[in-house]
C-alpha cells in the first residue's frame, strides 16, 4: 500500500493543511448536494418541470466542474 505524506511547516500554512485534510468533506458535501437534487427530480411529484430541468442542469454543471479538477463523485 502506498503512503502519501503531506508536510506543512509553518503557522502560515495552517489553512493549506486544513484544506488538504478536509478534502474528503468537500467531496461528501458535493455528493450530498447532488443526491438532494436527484431526490427532488426523481421523487417530488409536486416539483414543476421547469425547476426539475434547472436542478438537472445544476447537477450536470457540478459534475462538469468536478471533472475539470479530475474529481469524480462515484
N, C-alpha and C. Protein backbone atom coordinates (compact mmCIF):
# COMPACT_ATOMS: atom_id res chain seq x y z
N UNK A 1 0.85 -1.19 0.00
CA UNK A 1 0.00 0.00 0.00
C UNK A 1 0.89 1.24 0.00
N UNK A 2 0.58 2.17 -0.87
CA UNK A 2 1.38 3.39 -0.99
C UNK A 2 1.04 4.36 0.14
N UNK A 3 2.03 5.14 0.50
CA UNK A 3 1.84 6.18 1.50
C UNK A 3 2.02 7.54 0.84
N UNK A 4 1.22 8.48 1.28
CA UNK A 4 1.36 9.86 0.84
C UNK A 4 1.58 10.70 2.09
N UNK A 5 2.63 11.47 2.07
CA UNK A 5 2.96 12.31 3.22
C UNK A 5 2.85 13.77 2.80
N UNK A 6 2.03 14.50 3.52
CA UNK A 6 1.89 15.94 3.29
C UNK A 6 2.55 16.65 4.46
N UNK A 7 3.40 17.61 4.16
CA UNK A 7 4.07 18.36 5.22
C UNK A 7 3.71 19.83 5.10
N UNK A 8 3.37 20.40 6.22
CA UNK A 8 3.10 21.83 6.33
C UNK A 8 3.92 22.31 7.52
N UNK A 9 4.86 23.22 7.24
CA UNK A 9 5.88 23.55 8.23
C UNK A 9 5.59 24.76 9.10
N UNK A 10 4.69 25.60 8.72
CA UNK A 10 4.56 26.84 9.48
C UNK A 10 3.10 27.17 9.78
N UNK A 11 2.94 28.09 10.68
CA UNK A 11 1.61 28.55 11.06
C UNK A 11 0.91 29.18 9.85
N UNK A 12 1.70 29.81 8.97
CA UNK A 12 1.12 30.43 7.78
C UNK A 12 0.48 29.40 6.86
N UNK A 13 0.92 28.17 6.94
CA UNK A 13 0.38 27.10 6.08
C UNK A 13 -0.77 26.35 6.74
N UNK A 14 -1.23 26.85 7.88
CA UNK A 14 -2.31 26.19 8.62
C UNK A 14 -3.56 26.01 7.76
N UNK A 15 -3.94 27.03 7.02
CA UNK A 15 -5.14 26.94 6.17
C UNK A 15 -4.95 25.92 5.05
N UNK A 16 -3.75 25.86 4.49
CA UNK A 16 -3.46 24.87 3.45
C UNK A 16 -3.56 23.46 4.02
N UNK A 17 -3.06 23.28 5.22
CA UNK A 17 -3.13 21.96 5.87
C UNK A 17 -4.59 21.57 6.11
N UNK A 18 -5.39 22.51 6.57
CA UNK A 18 -6.80 22.23 6.83
C UNK A 18 -7.52 21.88 5.53
N UNK A 19 -7.22 22.61 4.46
CA UNK A 19 -7.82 22.30 3.16
C UNK A 19 -7.46 20.88 2.72
N UNK A 20 -6.21 20.50 2.89
CA UNK A 20 -5.77 19.16 2.50
C UNK A 20 -6.48 18.09 3.32
N UNK A 21 -6.63 18.34 4.60
CA UNK A 21 -7.28 17.35 5.47
C UNK A 21 -8.79 17.28 5.26
N UNK A 22 -9.39 18.37 4.84
CA UNK A 22 -10.85 18.42 4.68
C UNK A 22 -11.32 18.10 3.27
N UNK A 23 -10.43 17.70 2.39
CA UNK A 23 -10.80 17.42 1.01
C UNK A 23 -11.95 16.44 0.89
N UNK A 24 -11.91 15.39 1.69
CA UNK A 24 -12.98 14.38 1.62
C UNK A 24 -14.32 14.97 2.04
N UNK A 25 -14.29 15.96 2.94
CA UNK A 25 -15.54 16.60 3.37
C UNK A 25 -16.17 17.38 2.22
N UNK A 26 -15.32 18.01 1.42
CA UNK A 26 -15.83 18.73 0.25
C UNK A 26 -16.48 17.75 -0.72
N UNK A 27 -15.83 16.63 -0.93
CA UNK A 27 -16.39 15.62 -1.85
C UNK A 27 -17.72 15.10 -1.32
N UNK A 28 -17.77 14.80 -0.03
CA UNK A 28 -19.02 14.31 0.55
C UNK A 28 -20.12 15.37 0.47
N UNK A 29 -19.75 16.62 0.65
CA UNK A 29 -20.73 17.71 0.56
C UNK A 29 -21.31 17.81 -0.84
N UNK A 30 -20.46 17.70 -1.84
CA UNK A 30 -20.93 17.73 -3.22
C UNK A 30 -21.80 16.52 -3.53
N UNK A 31 -21.44 15.36 -2.98
CA UNK A 31 -22.24 14.15 -3.16
C UNK A 31 -23.64 14.37 -2.55
N UNK A 32 -23.67 14.92 -1.34
CA UNK A 32 -24.95 15.17 -0.68
C UNK A 32 -25.81 16.14 -1.48
N UNK A 33 -25.19 17.21 -1.99
CA UNK A 33 -25.93 18.17 -2.79
C UNK A 33 -26.47 17.51 -4.06
N UNK A 34 -25.64 16.76 -4.74
CA UNK A 34 -26.05 16.06 -5.95
C UNK A 34 -27.22 15.11 -5.67
N UNK A 35 -27.12 14.36 -4.58
CA UNK A 35 -28.18 13.41 -4.24
C UNK A 35 -29.47 14.10 -3.83
N UNK A 36 -29.35 15.23 -3.17
CA UNK A 36 -30.54 16.00 -2.80
C UNK A 36 -31.27 16.50 -4.05
N UNK A 37 -30.52 17.00 -5.02
CA UNK A 37 -31.13 17.44 -6.27
C UNK A 37 -31.76 16.25 -7.00
N UNK A 38 -31.06 15.12 -7.01
CA UNK A 38 -31.57 13.91 -7.67
C UNK A 38 -32.89 13.46 -7.03
N UNK A 39 -32.93 13.47 -5.70
CA UNK A 39 -34.17 13.08 -4.99
C UNK A 39 -35.33 13.96 -5.40
N UNK A 40 -35.10 15.27 -5.47
CA UNK A 40 -36.16 16.20 -5.85
C UNK A 40 -36.66 15.90 -7.26
N UNK A 41 -35.72 15.69 -8.16
CA UNK A 41 -36.09 15.42 -9.56
C UNK A 41 -36.87 14.12 -9.66
N UNK A 42 -36.42 13.11 -8.97
CA UNK A 42 -36.99 11.76 -9.13
C UNK A 42 -38.26 11.53 -8.33
N UNK A 43 -38.34 12.08 -7.11
CA UNK A 43 -39.42 11.69 -6.21
C UNK A 43 -40.41 12.79 -5.84
N UNK A 44 -40.09 14.05 -6.13
CA UNK A 44 -41.00 15.13 -5.77
C UNK A 44 -42.00 15.36 -6.90
N UNK A 45 -43.19 14.77 -6.74
CA UNK A 45 -44.22 14.87 -7.77
C UNK A 45 -44.77 16.29 -7.94
N UNK A 46 -44.57 17.13 -6.93
CA UNK A 46 -45.09 18.49 -6.98
C UNK A 46 -44.08 19.47 -7.58
N UNK A 47 -42.89 18.99 -7.89
CA UNK A 47 -41.84 19.85 -8.45
C UNK A 47 -42.18 20.20 -9.90
N UNK A 48 -42.32 21.50 -10.20
CA UNK A 48 -42.61 21.89 -11.58
C UNK A 48 -41.50 21.42 -12.53
N UNK A 49 -41.86 21.06 -13.72
CA UNK A 49 -40.89 20.52 -14.68
C UNK A 49 -39.78 21.52 -14.99
N UNK A 50 -40.10 22.81 -14.98
CA UNK A 50 -39.08 23.84 -15.23
C UNK A 50 -38.01 23.80 -14.15
N UNK A 51 -38.43 23.61 -12.92
CA UNK A 51 -37.49 23.55 -11.79
C UNK A 51 -36.67 22.27 -11.87
N UNK A 52 -37.32 21.18 -12.21
CA UNK A 52 -36.62 19.90 -12.35
C UNK A 52 -35.52 20.02 -13.41
N UNK A 53 -35.81 20.72 -14.50
CA UNK A 53 -34.81 20.92 -15.55
C UNK A 53 -33.63 21.73 -15.03
N UNK A 54 -33.92 22.75 -14.24
CA UNK A 54 -32.84 23.57 -13.66
C UNK A 54 -32.01 22.72 -12.70
N UNK A 55 -32.66 21.92 -11.89
CA UNK A 55 -31.93 21.04 -10.97
C UNK A 55 -31.01 20.09 -11.75
N UNK A 56 -31.51 19.55 -12.83
CA UNK A 56 -30.69 18.65 -13.65
C UNK A 56 -29.51 19.39 -14.26
N UNK A 57 -29.73 20.62 -14.69
CA UNK A 57 -28.63 21.43 -15.23
C UNK A 57 -27.58 21.71 -14.14
N UNK A 58 -28.04 21.96 -12.94
CA UNK A 58 -27.11 22.21 -11.83
C UNK A 58 -26.29 20.95 -11.54
N UNK A 59 -26.95 19.79 -11.53
CA UNK A 59 -26.23 18.52 -11.33
C UNK A 59 -25.17 18.33 -12.41
N UNK A 60 -25.53 18.60 -13.64
CA UNK A 60 -24.58 18.46 -14.74
C UNK A 60 -23.41 19.43 -14.59
N UNK A 61 -23.70 20.65 -14.17
CA UNK A 61 -22.65 21.66 -14.00
C UNK A 61 -21.70 21.26 -12.87
N UNK A 62 -22.25 20.76 -11.78
CA UNK A 62 -21.42 20.29 -10.67
C UNK A 62 -20.46 19.22 -11.17
N UNK A 63 -20.97 18.25 -11.90
CA UNK A 63 -20.13 17.16 -12.41
C UNK A 63 -19.11 17.68 -13.42
N UNK A 64 -19.50 18.64 -14.23
CA UNK A 64 -18.57 19.22 -15.20
C UNK A 64 -17.41 19.92 -14.49
N UNK A 65 -17.73 20.71 -13.48
CA UNK A 65 -16.69 21.43 -12.73
C UNK A 65 -15.78 20.44 -12.00
N UNK A 66 -16.36 19.46 -11.32
CA UNK A 66 -15.56 18.48 -10.63
C UNK A 66 -14.67 17.71 -11.60
N UNK A 67 -15.21 17.38 -12.74
CA UNK A 67 -14.43 16.66 -13.75
C UNK A 67 -13.24 17.48 -14.22
N UNK A 68 -13.41 18.78 -14.32
CA UNK A 68 -12.30 19.65 -14.75
C UNK A 68 -11.15 19.63 -13.74
N UNK A 69 -11.45 19.25 -12.50
CA UNK A 69 -10.42 19.11 -11.46
C UNK A 69 -10.06 17.64 -11.22
N UNK A 70 -10.49 16.77 -12.14
CA UNK A 70 -10.23 15.32 -12.03
C UNK A 70 -10.82 14.73 -10.74
N UNK A 71 -12.01 15.20 -10.39
CA UNK A 71 -12.72 14.69 -9.22
C UNK A 71 -13.98 13.99 -9.73
N UNK A 72 -14.20 12.79 -9.24
CA UNK A 72 -15.36 12.01 -9.64
C UNK A 72 -16.19 11.70 -8.39
N UNK A 73 -17.47 11.97 -8.43
CA UNK A 73 -18.33 11.68 -7.29
C UNK A 73 -18.57 10.21 -7.07
N UNK A 74 -18.45 9.43 -8.11
CA UNK A 74 -18.74 7.99 -7.99
C UNK A 74 -17.64 7.26 -7.28
